[in-house]
Amino acid sequence: MPSSILWLLLALLCLAVTPRRSGGQLEEWCIADEQTPADELKMALDWACEKGGADCSKIQENQACYLPNTLEHHASYAFNNYYQKLKQEGATCYFNAAAFVTALDPSHNSCKFEYIP
């Protein structure tokens, strides 16, 4: 393969993994940690959707973010919704160590994970 093509592929790869910026800030999303035990993830999800005030309507059956129908995916959506809505008021992406911040947008197909600068 010619070196010019390799350089082009390398440049495209760098663009794909470079975190996006919005208004000079890095864009961040809050997602579930796949290593968190299911019972702890479920408790954190329940808290986010109930006491935390996250809008979990989109992870209900027949809604845009229901699929994939996994605990990890639903928790990620709820954690991010809570974090985006309340981070300016001091909210964190911790959820008792069940979540972390990522610069990679977890949105997929018709399911858009909100980002609020």
PDB file of N, CA and C in Angstrom:
ATOM      1  N   MET A   1       0.846  -1.173   0.000  1.00  0.00           N
ATOM      2  CA  MET A   1       0.000   0.000   0.000  1.00  0.00           C
ATOM      3  C   MET A   1       0.893   1.237   0.000  1.00  0.00           C
ATOM      4  N   PRO A   2       0.641   2.196  -0.873  1.00  0.00           N
ATOM      5  CA  PRO A   2       1.474   3.405  -0.946  1.00  0.00           C
ATOM      6  C   PRO A   2       1.419   4.184   0.366  1.00  0.00           C
ATOM      7  N   SER A   3       2.533   4.850   0.668  1.00  0.00           N
ATOM      8  CA  SER A   3       2.622   5.575   1.944  1.00  0.00           C
ATOM      9  C   SER A   3       1.620   6.711   2.043  1.00  0.00           C
ATOM     10  N   SER A   4       1.231   7.319   0.927  1.00  0.00           N
ATOM     11  CA  SER A   4       0.251   8.420   0.980  1.00  0.00           C
ATOM     12  C   SER A   4      -1.099   7.913   1.473  1.00  0.00           C
ATOM     13  N   ILE A   5      -1.464   6.717   1.113  1.00  0.00           N
ATOM     14  CA  ILE A   5      -2.725   6.139   1.588  1.00  0.00           C
ATOM     15  C   ILE A   5      -2.626   5.836   3.075  1.00  0.00           C
ATOM     16  N   LEU A   6      -1.483   5.341   3.508  1.00  0.00           N
ATOM     17  CA  LEU A   6      -1.297   5.074   4.935  1.00  0.00           C
ATOM     18  C   LEU A   6      -1.418   6.360   5.751  1.00  0.00           C
ATOM     19  N   TRP A   7      -0.826   7.431   5.253  1.00  0.00           N
ATOM     20  CA  TRP A   7      -0.926   8.712   5.964  1.00  0.00           C
ATOM     21  C   TRP A   7      -2.364   9.196   6.016  1.00  0.00           C
ATOM     22  N   LEU A   8      -3.087   9.028   4.937  1.00  0.00           N
ATOM     23  CA  LEU A   8      -4.491   9.423   4.893  1.00  0.00           C
ATOM     24  C   LEU A   8      -5.308   8.619   5.897  1.00  0.00           C
ATOM     25  N   LEU A   9      -5.087   7.316   5.939  1.00  0.00           N
ATOM     26  CA  LEU A   9      -5.794   6.465   6.899  1.00  0.00           C
ATOM     27  C   LEU A   9      -5.458   6.851   8.332  1.00  0.00           C
ATOM     28  N   LEU A  10      -4.202   7.165   8.596  1.00  0.00           N
ATOM     29  CA  LEU A  10      -3.788   7.585   9.929  1.00  0.00           C
ATOM     30  C   LEU A  10      -4.467   8.892  10.319  1.00  0.00           C
ATOM     31  N   ALA A  11      -4.529   9.829   9.379  1.00  0.00           N
ATOM     32  CA  ALA A  11      -5.180  11.118   9.651  1.00  0.00           C
ATOM     33  C   ALA A  11      -6.661  10.927   9.933  1.00  0.00           C
ATOM     34  N   LEU A  12      -7.322  10.074   9.181  1.00  0.00           N
ATOM     35  CA  LEU A  12      -8.747   9.805   9.406  1.00  0.00           C
ATOM     36  C   LEU A  12      -8.975   9.136  10.752  1.00  0.00           C
ATOM     37  N   LEU A  13      -8.096   8.229  11.119  1.00  0.00           N
ATOM     38  CA  LEU A  13      -8.201   7.570  12.418  1.00  0.00           C
ATOM     39  C   LEU A  13      -8.059   8.582  13.548  1.00  0.00           C
ATOM     40  N   CYS A  14      -7.122   9.493  13.428  1.00  0.00           N
ATOM     41  CA  CYS A  14      -6.927  10.531  14.450  1.00  0.00           C
ATOM     42  C   CYS A  14      -8.165  11.408  14.579  1.00  0.00           C
ATOM     43  N   LEU A  15      -8.758  11.763  13.467  1.00  0.00           N
ATOM     44  CA  LEU A  15      -9.981  12.568  13.513  1.00  0.00           C
ATOM     45  C   LEU A  15     -11.117  11.816  14.177  1.00  0.00           C
ATOM     46  N   ALA A  16     -11.189  10.529  13.949  1.00  0.00           N
ATOM     47  CA  ALA A  16     -12.279   9.727  14.506  1.00  0.00           C
ATOM     48  C   ALA A  16     -12.194   9.589  16.016  1.00  0.00           C
ATOM     49  N   VAL A  17     -10.993   9.572  16.565  1.00  0.00           N
ATOM     50  CA  VAL A  17     -10.843   9.365  18.007  1.00  0.00           C
ATOM     51  C   VAL A  17     -10.561  10.649  18.776  1.00  0.00           C
ATOM     52  N   THR A  18     -10.439  11.774  18.094  1.00  0.00           N
ATOM     53  CA  THR A  18     -10.206  13.041  18.771  1.00  0.00           C
ATOM     54  C   THR A  18     -11.508  13.507  19.397  1.00  0.00           C
ATOM     55  N   PRO A  19     -11.495  13.805  20.705  1.00  0.00           N
ATOM     56  CA  PRO A  19     -12.720  14.271  21.361  1.00  0.00           C
ATOM     57  C   PRO A  19     -13.232  15.552  20.723  1.00  0.00           C
ATOM     58  N   ARG A  20     -14.555  15.656  20.646  1.00  0.00           N
ATOM     59  CA  ARG A  20     -15.175  16.838  20.070  1.00  0.00           C
ATOM     60  C   ARG A  20     -15.179  17.969  21.082  1.00  0.00           C
ATOM     61  N   ARG A  21     -15.213  19.179  20.563  1.00  0.00           N
ATOM     62  CA  ARG A  21     -15.283  20.364  21.406  1.00  0.00           C
ATOM     63  C   ARG A  21     -16.563  21.117  21.077  1.00  0.00           C
ATOM     64  N   SER A  22     -17.122  21.702  22.097  1.00  0.00           N
ATOM     65  CA  SER A  22     -18.311  22.524  21.928  1.00  0.00           C
ATOM     66  C   SER A  22     -18.074  23.802  22.712  1.00  0.00           C
ATOM     67  N   GLY A  23     -17.993  24.914  22.022  1.00  0.00           N
ATOM     68  CA  GLY A  23     -17.733  26.174  22.703  1.00  0.00           C
ATOM     69  C   GLY A  23     -16.402  26.180  23.425  1.00  0.00           C
ATOM     70  N   GLY A  24     -15.410  25.473  22.894  1.00  0.00           N
ATOM     71  CA  GLY A  24     -14.094  25.443  23.511  1.00  0.00           C
ATOM     72  C   GLY A  24     -13.944  24.384  24.600  1.00  0.00           C
ATOM     73  N   GLN A  25     -15.031  23.726  24.972  1.00  0.00           N
ATOM     74  CA  GLN A  25     -14.973  22.692  25.997  1.00  0.00           C
ATOM     75  C   GLN A  25     -15.008  21.315  25.342  1.00  0.00           C
ATOM     76  N   LEU A  26     -14.344  20.352  25.977  1.00  0.00           N
ATOM     77  CA  LEU A  26     -14.443  18.978  25.504  1.00  0.00           C
ATOM     78  C   LEU A  26     -15.842  18.466  25.795  1.00  0.00           C
ATOM     79  N   GLU A  27     -16.413  17.772  24.845  1.00  0.00           N
ATOM     80  CA  GLU A  27     -17.717  17.160  25.067  1.00  0.00           C
ATOM     81  C   GLU A  27     -17.509  15.881  25.873  1.00  0.00           C
ATOM     82  N   GLU A  28     -18.377  15.674  26.853  1.00  0.00           N
ATOM     83  CA  GLU A  28     -18.273  14.512  27.733  1.00  0.00           C
ATOM     84  C   GLU A  28     -19.647  13.896  27.946  1.00  0.00           C
ATOM     85  N   TRP A  29     -19.654  12.586  28.033  1.00  0.00           N
ATOM     86  CA  TRP A  29     -20.864  11.840  28.347  1.00  0.00           C
ATOM     87  C   TRP A  29     -20.566  10.940  29.543  1.00  0.00           C
ATOM     88  N   CYS A  30     -21.586  10.623  30.284  1.00  0.00           N
ATOM     89  CA  CYS A  30     -21.472   9.763  31.462  1.00  0.00           C
ATOM     90  C   CYS A  30     -22.068   8.405  31.109  1.00  0.00           C
ATOM     91  N   ILE A  31     -21.282   7.342  31.261  1.00  0.00           N
ATOM     92  CA  ILE A  31     -21.761   6.007  30.909  1.00  0.00           C
ATOM     93  C   ILE A  31     -21.470   5.013  32.030  1.00  0.00           C
ATOM     94  N   ALA A  32     -22.202   3.926  32.010  1.00  0.00           N
ATOM     95  CA  ALA A  32     -22.041   2.867  33.003  1.00  0.00           C
ATOM     96  C   ALA A  32     -20.708   2.146  32.808  1.00  0.00           C
ATOM     97  N   ASP A  33     -20.131   1.753  33.923  1.00  0.00           N
ATOM     98  CA  ASP A  33     -18.902   0.957  33.896  1.00  0.00           C
ATOM     99  C   ASP A  33     -19.297  -0.505  33.736  1.00  0.00           C
ATOM    100  N   GLU A  34     -18.864  -1.125  32.655  1.00  0.00           N
ATOM    101  CA  GLU A  34     -19.245  -2.512  32.364  1.00  0.00           C
ATOM    102  C   GLU A  34     -18.753  -3.504  33.408  1.00  0.00           C
ATOM    103  N   GLN A  35     -17.827  -3.089  34.263  1.00  0.00           N
ATOM    104  CA  GLN A  35     -17.307  -3.991  35.290  1.00  0.00           C
ATOM    105  C   GLN A  35     -18.114  -3.944  36.588  1.00  0.00           C
ATOM    106  N   THR A  36     -19.101  -3.052  36.647  1.00  0.00           N
ATOM    107  CA  THR A  36     -19.930  -2.935  37.848  1.00  0.00           C
ATOM    108  C   THR A  36     -20.869  -4.131  37.941  1.00  0.00           C
ATOM    109  N   PRO A  37     -20.947  -4.774  39.101  1.00  0.00           N
ATOM    110  CA  PRO A  37     -21.882  -5.900  39.265  1.00  0.00           C
ATOM    111  C   PRO A  37     -23.325  -5.464  38.968  1.00  0.00           C
ATOM    112  N   ALA A  38     -24.100  -6.360  38.402  1.00  0.00           N
ATOM    113  CA  ALA A  38     -25.467  -6.050  37.960  1.00  0.00           C
ATOM    114  C   ALA A  38     -26.343  -5.492  39.074  1.00  0.00           C
ATOM    115  N   ASP A  39     -26.241  -6.028  40.285  1.00  0.00           N
ATOM    116  CA  ASP A  39     -27.099  -5.538  41.363  1.00  0.00           C
ATOM    117  C   ASP A  39     -26.764  -4.086  41.723  1.00  0.00           C
ATOM    118  N   GLU A  40     -25.493  -3.729  41.695  1.00  0.00           N
ATOM    119  CA  GLU A  40     -25.099  -2.349  41.982  1.00  0.00           C
ATOM    120  C   GLU A  40     -25.522  -1.413  40.841  1.00  0.00           C
ATOM    121  N   LEU A  41     -25.388  -1.889  39.615  1.00  0.00           N
ATOM    122  CA  LEU A  41     -25.791  -1.092  38.463  1.00  0.00           C
ATOM    123  C   LEU A  41     -27.297  -0.839  38.498  1.00  0.00           C
ATOM    124  N   LYS A  42     -28.063  -1.853  38.855  1.00  0.00           N
ATOM    125  CA  LYS A  42     -29.523  -1.727  38.943  1.00  0.00           C
ATOM    126  C   LYS A  42     -29.911  -0.719  40.016  1.00  0.00           C
ATOM    127  N   MET A  43     -29.245  -0.759  41.168  1.00  0.00           N
ATOM    128  CA  MET A  43     -29.544   0.208  42.232  1.00  0.00           C
ATOM    129  C   MET A  43     -29.233   1.623  41.780  1.00  0.00           C
ATOM    130  N   ALA A  44     -28.133   1.806  41.086  1.00  0.00           N
ATOM    131  CA  ALA A  44     -27.753   3.130  40.601  1.00  0.00           C
ATOM    132  C   ALA A  44     -28.734   3.611  39.525  1.00  0.00           C
ATOM    133  N   LEU A  45     -29.146   2.725  38.643  1.00  0.00           N
ATOM    134  CA  LEU A  45     -30.128   3.060  37.613  1.00  0.00           C
ATOM    135  C   LEU A  45     -31.446   3.481  38.258  1.00  0.00           C
ATOM    136  N   ASP A  46     -31.909   2.704  39.224  1.00  0.00           N
ATOM    137  CA  ASP A  46     -33.159   3.036  39.911  1.00  0.00           C
ATOM    138  C   ASP A  46     -33.063   4.401  40.582  1.00  0.00           C
ATOM    139  N   TRP A  47     -31.934   4.683  41.222  1.00  0.00           N
ATOM    140  CA  TRP A  47     -31.766   5.980  41.882  1.00  0.00           C
ATOM    141  C   TRP A  47     -31.802   7.104  40.849  1.00  0.00           C
ATOM    142  N   ALA A  48     -31.077   6.936  39.739  1.00  0.00           N
ATOM    143  CA  ALA A  48     -31.020   7.983  38.721  1.00  0.00           C
ATOM    144  C   ALA A  48     -32.413   8.286  38.174  1.00  0.00           C
ATOM    145  N   CYS A  49     -33.195   7.253  37.905  1.00  0.00           N
ATOM    146  CA  CYS A  49     -34.517   7.435  37.307  1.00  0.00           C
ATOM    147  C   CYS A  49     -35.561   7.911  38.318  1.00  0.00           C
ATOM    148  N   GLU A  50     -35.370   7.603  39.579  1.00  0.00           N
ATOM    149  CA  GLU A  50     -36.363   7.969  40.584  1.00  0.00           C
ATOM    150  C   GLU A  50     -35.921   9.216  41.349  1.00  0.00           C
ATOM    151  N   LYS A  51     -35.078   9.068  42.319  1.00  0.00           N
ATOM    152  CA  LYS A  51     -34.658  10.191  43.162  1.00  0.00           C
ATOM    153  C   LYS A  51     -33.771  11.186  42.432  1.00  0.00           C
ATOM    154  N   GLY A  52     -32.969  10.710  41.493  1.00  0.00           N
ATOM    155  CA  GLY A  52     -32.032  11.581  40.797  1.00  0.00           C
ATOM    156  C   GLY A  52     -32.687  12.513  39.786  1.00  0.00           C
ATOM    157  N   GLY A  53     -33.868  12.167  39.321  1.00  0.00           N
ATOM    158  CA  GLY A  53     -34.590  13.028  38.395  1.00  0.00           C
ATOM    159  C   GLY A  53     -34.231  12.867  36.930  1.00  0.00           C
ATOM    160  N   ALA A  54     -33.504  11.806  36.577  1.00  0.00           N
ATOM    161  CA  ALA A  54     -33.192  11.577  35.166  1.00  0.00           C
ATOM    162  C   ALA A  54     -34.481  11.271  34.407  1.00  0.00           C
ATOM    163  N   ASP A  55     -34.544  11.702  33.162  1.00  0.00           N
ATOM    164  CA  ASP A  55     -35.684  11.390  32.297  1.00  0.00           C
ATOM    165  C   ASP A  55     -35.412  10.037  31.653  1.00  0.00           C
ATOM    166  N   CYS A  56     -36.052   9.013  32.167  1.00  0.00           N
ATOM    167  CA  CYS A  56     -35.814   7.648  31.684  1.00  0.00           C
ATOM    168  C   CYS A  56     -36.903   7.171  30.727  1.00  0.00           C
ATOM    169  N   SER A  57     -37.703   8.090  30.224  1.00  0.00           N
ATOM    170  CA  SER A  57     -38.798   7.709  29.327  1.00  0.00           C
ATOM    171  C   SER A  57     -38.290   7.084  28.027  1.00  0.00           C
ATOM    172  N   LYS A  58     -37.120   7.490  27.543  1.00  0.00           N
ATOM    173  CA  LYS A  58     -36.620   6.982  26.264  1.00  0.00           C
ATOM    174  C   LYS A  58     -36.026   5.577  26.346  1.00  0.00           C
ATOM    175  N   ILE A  59     -35.868   5.040  27.562  1.00  0.00           N
ATOM    176  CA  ILE A  59     -35.364   3.669  27.693  1.00  0.00           C
ATOM    177  C   ILE A  59     -36.493   2.696  28.026  1.00  0.00           C
ATOM    178  N   GLN A  60     -37.729   3.172  27.874  1.00  0.00           N
ATOM    179  CA  GLN A  60     -38.892   2.299  28.062  1.00  0.00           C
ATOM    180  C   GLN A  60     -39.165   1.562  26.756  1.00  0.00           C
ATOM    181  N   GLU A  61     -39.856   0.443  26.848  1.00  0.00           N
ATOM    182  CA  GLU A  61     -40.157  -0.368  25.672  1.00  0.00           C
ATOM    183  C   GLU A  61     -40.819   0.468  24.577  1.00  0.00           C
ATOM    184  N   ASN A  62     -40.424   0.220  23.345  1.00  0.00           N
ATOM    185  CA  ASN A  62     -40.920   0.901  22.136  1.00  0.00           C
ATOM    186  C   ASN A  62     -40.472   2.358  22.031  1.00  0.00           C
ATOM    187  N   GLN A  63     -39.465   2.757  22.792  1.00  0.00           N
ATOM    188  CA  GLN A  63     -38.931   4.118  22.710  1.00  0.00           C
ATOM    189  C   GLN A  63     -37.561   4.084  22.028  1.00  0.00           C
ATOM    190  N   ALA A  64     -37.053   5.249  21.667  1.00  0.00           N
ATOM    191  CA  ALA A  64     -35.836   5.372  20.848  1.00  0.00           C
ATOM    192  C   ALA A  64     -34.599   4.715  21.446  1.00  0.00           C
ATOM    193  N   CYS A  65     -34.490   4.677  22.762  1.00  0.00           N
ATOM    194  CA  CYS A  65     -33.273   4.144  23.394  1.00  0.00           C
ATOM    195  C   CYS A  65     -33.501   2.852  24.169  1.00  0.00           C
ATOM    196  N   TYR A  66     -34.583   2.173  23.881  1.00  0.00           N
ATOM    197  CA  TYR A  66     -34.857   0.901  24.572  1.00  0.00           C
ATOM    198  C   TYR A  66     -33.860  -0.180  24.147  1.00  0.00           C
ATOM    199  N   LEU A  67     -33.527  -0.193  22.862  1.00  0.00           N
ATOM    200  CA  LEU A  67     -32.584  -1.202  22.359  1.00  0.00           C
ATOM    201  C   LEU A  67     -31.183  -0.623  22.283  1.00  0.00           C
ATOM    202  N   PRO A  68     -30.168  -1.343  22.620  1.00  0.00           N
ATOM    203  CA  PRO A  68     -30.240  -2.716  23.111  1.00  0.00           C
ATOM    204  C   PRO A  68     -30.820  -2.760  24.530  1.00  0.00           C
ATOM    205  N   ASN A  69     -31.642  -3.729  24.750  1.00  0.00           N
ATOM    206  CA  ASN A  69     -32.322  -3.882  26.036  1.00  0.00           C
ATOM    207  C   ASN A  69     -31.392  -4.565  27.040  1.00  0.00           C
ATOM    208  N   THR A  70     -30.398  -3.795  27.501  1.00  0.00           N
ATOM    209  CA  THR A  70     -29.468  -4.320  28.495  1.00  0.00           C
ATOM    210  C   THR A  70     -29.409  -3.356  29.668  1.00  0.00           C
ATOM    211  N   LEU A  71     -29.086  -3.881  30.810  1.00  0.00           N
ATOM    212  CA  LEU A  71     -28.954  -3.066  32.007  1.00  0.00           C
ATOM    213  C   LEU A  71     -27.873  -2.004  31.820  1.00  0.00           C
ATOM    214  N   GLU A  72     -26.752  -2.387  31.245  1.00  0.00           N
ATOM    215  CA  GLU A  72     -25.649  -1.449  31.042  1.00  0.00           C
ATOM    216  C   GLU A  72     -26.051  -0.288  30.131  1.00  0.00           C
ATOM    217  N   HIS A  73     -26.728  -0.594  29.034  1.00  0.00           N
ATOM    218  CA  HIS A  73     -27.149   0.458  28.111  1.00  0.00           C
ATOM    219  C   HIS A  73     -28.176   1.387  28.768  1.00  0.00           C
ATOM    220  N   HIS A  74     -29.167   0.828  29.418  1.00  0.00           N
ATOM    221  CA  HIS A  74     -30.192   1.647  30.065  1.00  0.00           C
ATOM    222  C   HIS A  74     -29.579   2.501  31.175  1.00  0.00           C
ATOM    223  N   ALA A  75     -28.661   1.930  31.938  1.00  0.00           N
ATOM    224  CA  ALA A  75     -27.992   2.703  32.991  1.00  0.00           C
ATOM    225  C   ALA A  75     -27.169   3.833  32.376  1.00  0.00           C
ATOM    226  N   SER A  76     -26.470   3.558  31.291  1.00  0.00           N
ATOM    227  CA  SER A  76     -25.679   4.600  30.633  1.00  0.00           C
ATOM    228  C   SER A  76     -26.562   5.757  30.198  1.00  0.00           C
ATOM    229  N   TYR A  77     -27.701   5.444  29.610  1.00  0.00           N
ATOM    230  CA  TYR A  77     -28.595   6.509  29.159  1.00  0.00           C
ATOM    231  C   TYR A  77     -29.079   7.342  30.350  1.00  0.00           C
ATOM    232  N   ALA A  78     -29.511   6.675  31.406  1.00  0.00           N
ATOM    233  CA  ALA A  78     -30.029   7.379  32.587  1.00  0.00           C
ATOM    234  C   ALA A  78     -28.930   8.195  33.268  1.00  0.00           C
ATOM    235  N   PHE A  79     -27.743   7.607  33.431  1.00  0.00           N
ATOM    236  CA  PHE A  79     -26.639   8.318  34.073  1.00  0.00           C
ATOM    237  C   PHE A  79     -26.296   9.575  33.291  1.00  0.00           C
ATOM    238  N   ASN A  80     -26.228   9.452  31.959  1.00  0.00           N
ATOM    239  CA  ASN A  80     -25.877  10.601  31.137  1.00  0.00           C
ATOM    240  C   ASN A  80     -26.956  11.675  31.206  1.00  0.00           C
ATOM    241  N   ASN A  81     -28.204  11.269  31.179  1.00  0.00           N
ATOM    242  CA  ASN A  81     -29.287  12.248  31.242  1.00  0.00           C
ATOM    243  C   ASN A  81     -29.212  13.039  32.546  1.00  0.00           C
ATOM    244  N   TYR A  82     -29.012  12.336  33.650  1.00  0.00           N
ATOM    245  CA  TYR A  82     -28.863  12.994  34.953  1.00  0.00           C
ATOM    246  C   TYR A  82     -27.662  13.939  34.951  1.00  0.00           C
ATOM    247  N   TYR A  83     -26.520  13.435  34.497  1.00  0.00           N
ATOM    248  CA  TYR A  83     -25.275  14.204  34.508  1.00  0.00           C
ATOM    249  C   TYR A  83     -25.383  15.459  33.649  1.00  0.00           C
ATOM    250  N   GLN A  84     -25.911  15.320  32.450  1.00  0.00           N
ATOM    251  CA  GLN A  84     -26.008  16.481  31.561  1.00  0.00           C
ATOM    252  C   GLN A  84     -26.931  17.550  32.131  1.00  0.00           C
ATOM    253  N   LYS A  85     -28.055  17.127  32.709  1.00  0.00           N
ATOM    254  CA  LYS A  85     -29.021  18.083  33.253  1.00  0.00           C
ATOM    255  C   LYS A  85     -28.504  18.809  34.485  1.00  0.00           C
ATOM    256  N   LEU A  86     -27.684  18.127  35.288  1.00  0.00           N
ATOM    257  CA  LEU A  86     -27.340  18.677  36.601  1.00  0.00           C
ATOM    258  C   LEU A  86     -25.859  18.970  36.828  1.00  0.00           C
ATOM    259  N   LYS A  87     -25.006  18.754  35.843  1.00  0.00           N
ATOM    260  CA  LYS A  87     -23.568  18.963  36.062  1.00  0.00           C
ATOM    261  C   LYS A  87     -23.236  20.418  36.364  1.00  0.00           C
ATOM    262  N   GLN A  88     -23.996  21.360  35.793  1.00  0.00           N
ATOM    263  CA  GLN A  88     -23.735  22.784  36.069  1.00  0.00           C
ATOM    264  C   GLN A  88     -24.068  23.144  37.508  1.00  0.00           C
ATOM    265  N   GLU A  89     -24.847  22.281  38.168  1.00  0.00           N
ATOM    266  CA  GLU A  89     -25.205  22.492  39.572  1.00  0.00           C
ATOM    267  C   GLU A  89     -24.330  21.660  40.510  1.00  0.00           C
ATOM    268  N   GLY A  90     -23.303  21.020  39.947  1.00  0.00           N
ATOM    269  CA  GLY A  90     -22.366  20.256  40.765  1.00  0.00           C
ATOM    270  C   GLY A  90     -22.543  18.754  40.735  1.00  0.00           C
ATOM    271  N   ALA A  91     -23.481  18.249  39.938  1.00  0.00           N
ATOM    272  CA  ALA A  91     -23.677  16.800  39.853  1.00  0.00           C
ATOM    273  C   ALA A  91     -22.437  16.145  39.246  1.00  0.00           C
ATOM    274  N   THR A  92     -22.183  14.922  39.642  1.00  0.00           N
ATOM    275  CA  THR A  92     -21.032  14.182  39.124  1.00  0.00           C
ATOM    276  C   THR A  92     -21.487  12.934  38.379  1.00  0.00           C
ATOM    277  N   CYS A  93     -20.550  12.310  37.728  1.00  0.00           N
ATOM    278  CA  CYS A  93     -20.768  11.044  37.026  1.00  0.00           C
ATOM    279  C   CYS A  93     -20.091   9.955  37.851  1.00  0.00           C
ATOM    280  N   TYR A  94     -20.622   9.713  39.028  1.00  0.00           N
ATOM    281  CA  TYR A  94     -19.993   8.743  39.914  1.00  0.00           C
ATOM    282  C   TYR A  94     -20.899   7.531  40.145  1.00  0.00           C
ATOM    283  N   PHE A  95     -22.091   7.764  40.627  1.00  0.00           N
ATOM    284  CA  PHE A  95     -23.064   6.704  40.866  1.00  0.00           C
ATOM    285  C   PHE A  95     -22.472   5.532  41.652  1.00  0.00           C
ATOM    286  N   ASN A  96     -21.815   5.907  42.757  1.00  0.00           N
ATOM    287  CA  ASN A  96     -21.200   4.907  43.635  1.00  0.00           C
ATOM    288  C   ASN A  96     -20.220   4.015  42.860  1.00  0.00           C
ATOM    289  N   ALA A  97     -19.412   4.641  42.025  1.00  0.00           N
ATOM    290  CA  ALA A  97     -18.374   3.990  41.213  1.00  0.00           C
ATOM    291  C   ALA A  97     -18.942   3.115  40.095  1.00  0.00           C
ATOM    292  N   ALA A  98     -20.204   3.327  39.718  1.00  0.00           N
ATOM    293  CA  ALA A  98     -20.822   2.530  38.661  1.00  0.00           C
ATOM    294  C   ALA A  98     -20.731   3.200  37.290  1.00  0.00           C
ATOM    295  N   ALA A  99     -20.133   4.405  37.230  1.00  0.00           N
ATOM    296  CA  ALA A  99     -20.104   5.146  35.960  1.00  0.00           C
ATOM    297  C   ALA A  99     -18.808   5.924  35.823  1.00  0.00           C
ATOM    298  N   PHE A 100     -18.556   6.376  34.599  1.00  0.00           N
ATOM    299  CA  PHE A 100     -17.393   7.222  34.347  1.00  0.00           C
ATOM    300  C   PHE A 100     -17.675   8.120  33.157  1.00  0.00           C
ATOM    301  N   VAL A 101     -16.857   9.153  33.020  1.00  0.00           N
ATOM    302  CA  VAL A 101     -16.989  10.121  31.934  1.00  0.00           C
ATOM    303  C   VAL A 101     -16.162   9.650  30.742  1.00  0.00           C
ATOM    304  N   THR A 102     -16.728   9.824  29.552  1.00  0.00           N
ATOM    305  CA  THR A 102     -16.030   9.475  28.321  1.00  0.00           C
ATOM    306  C   THR A 102     -16.157  10.625  27.321  1.00  0.00           C
ATOM    307  N   ALA A 103     -15.180  10.738  26.447  1.00  0.00           N
ATOM    308  CA  ALA A 103     -15.233  11.733  25.376  1.00  0.00           C
ATOM    309  C   ALA A 103     -15.810  11.137  24.094  1.00  0.00           C
ATOM    310  N   LEU A 104     -16.132   9.856  24.107  1.00  0.00           N
ATOM    311  CA  LEU A 104     -16.706   9.192  22.939  1.00  0.00           C
ATOM    312  C   LEU A 104     -18.226   9.175  23.063  1.00  0.00           C
ATOM    313  N   ASP A 105     -18.888   9.751  22.101  1.00  0.00           N
ATOM    314  CA  ASP A 105     -20.346   9.837  22.104  1.00  0.00           C
ATOM    315  C   ASP A 105     -20.952   8.432  22.022  1.00  0.00           C
ATOM    316  N   PRO A 106     -21.726   8.029  23.040  1.00  0.00           N
ATOM    317  CA  PRO A 106     -22.318   6.692  23.035  1.00  0.00           C
ATOM    318  C   PRO A 106     -23.608   6.587  22.219  1.00  0.00           C
ATOM    319  N   SER A 107     -24.026   7.658  21.568  1.00  0.00           N
ATOM    320  CA  SER A 107     -25.246   7.631  20.756  1.00  0.00           C
ATOM    321  C   SER A 107     -25.129   6.572  19.661  1.00  0.00           C
ATOM    322  N   HIS A 108     -26.258   6.022  19.274  1.00  0.00           N
ATOM    323  CA  HIS A 108     -26.280   5.029  18.202  1.00  0.00           C
ATOM    324  C   HIS A 108     -27.661   5.019  17.557  1.00  0.00           C
ATOM    325  N   ASN A 109     -27.687   4.789  16.275  1.00  0.00           N
ATOM    326  CA  ASN A 109     -28.931   4.747  15.503  1.00  0.00           C
ATOM    327  C   ASN A 109     -29.842   5.906  15.893  1.00  0.00           C
ATOM    328  N   SER A 110     -31.060   5.610  16.336  1.00  0.00           N
ATOM    329  CA  SER A 110     -32.002   6.678  16.692  1.00  0.00           C
ATOM    330  C   SER A 110     -31.868   7.117  18.146  1.00  0.00           C
ATOM    331  N   CYS A 111     -30.983   6.488  18.891  1.00  0.00           N
ATOM    332  CA  CYS A 111     -30.797   6.831  20.307  1.00  0.00           C
ATOM    333  C   CYS A 111     -29.677   7.855  20.447  1.00  0.00           C
ATOM    334  N   LYS A 112     -30.063   9.058  20.770  1.00  0.00           N
ATOM    335  CA  LYS A 112     -29.094  10.140  20.931  1.00  0.00           C
ATOM    336  C   LYS A 112     -28.879  10.434  22.414  1.00  0.00           C
ATOM    337  N   PHE A 113     -27.631  10.324  22.833  1.00  0.00           N
ATOM    338  CA  PHE A 113     -27.259  10.660  24.201  1.00  0.00           C
ATOM    339  C   PHE A 113     -27.007  12.175  24.218  1.00  0.00           C
ATOM    340  N   GLU A 114     -27.764  12.871  25.010  1.00  0.00           N
ATOM    341  CA  GLU A 114     -27.692  14.329  25.055  1.00  0.00           C
ATOM    342  C   GLU A 114     -26.341  14.817  25.566  1.00  0.00           C
ATOM    343  N   TYR A 115     -25.896  15.922  25.000  1.00  0.00           N
ATOM    344  CA  TYR A 115     -24.729  16.636  25.519  1.00  0.00           C
ATOM    345  C   TYR A 115     -25.146  18.080  25.722  1.00  0.00           C
ATOM    346  N   ILE A 116     -24.934  18.580  26.915  1.00  0.00           N
ATOM    347  CA  ILE A 116     -25.233  19.984  27.238  1.00  0.00           C
ATOM    348  C   ILE A 116     -23.932  20.637  27.678  1.00  0.00           C
ATOM    349  N   PRO A 117     -23.498  21.685  26.949  1.00  0.00           N
ATOM    350  CA  PRO A 117     -22.234  22.361  27.316  1.00  0.00           C
ATOM    351  C   PRO A 117     -22.266  22.941  28.729  1.00  0.00           C
TER     352      PRO A 117
END
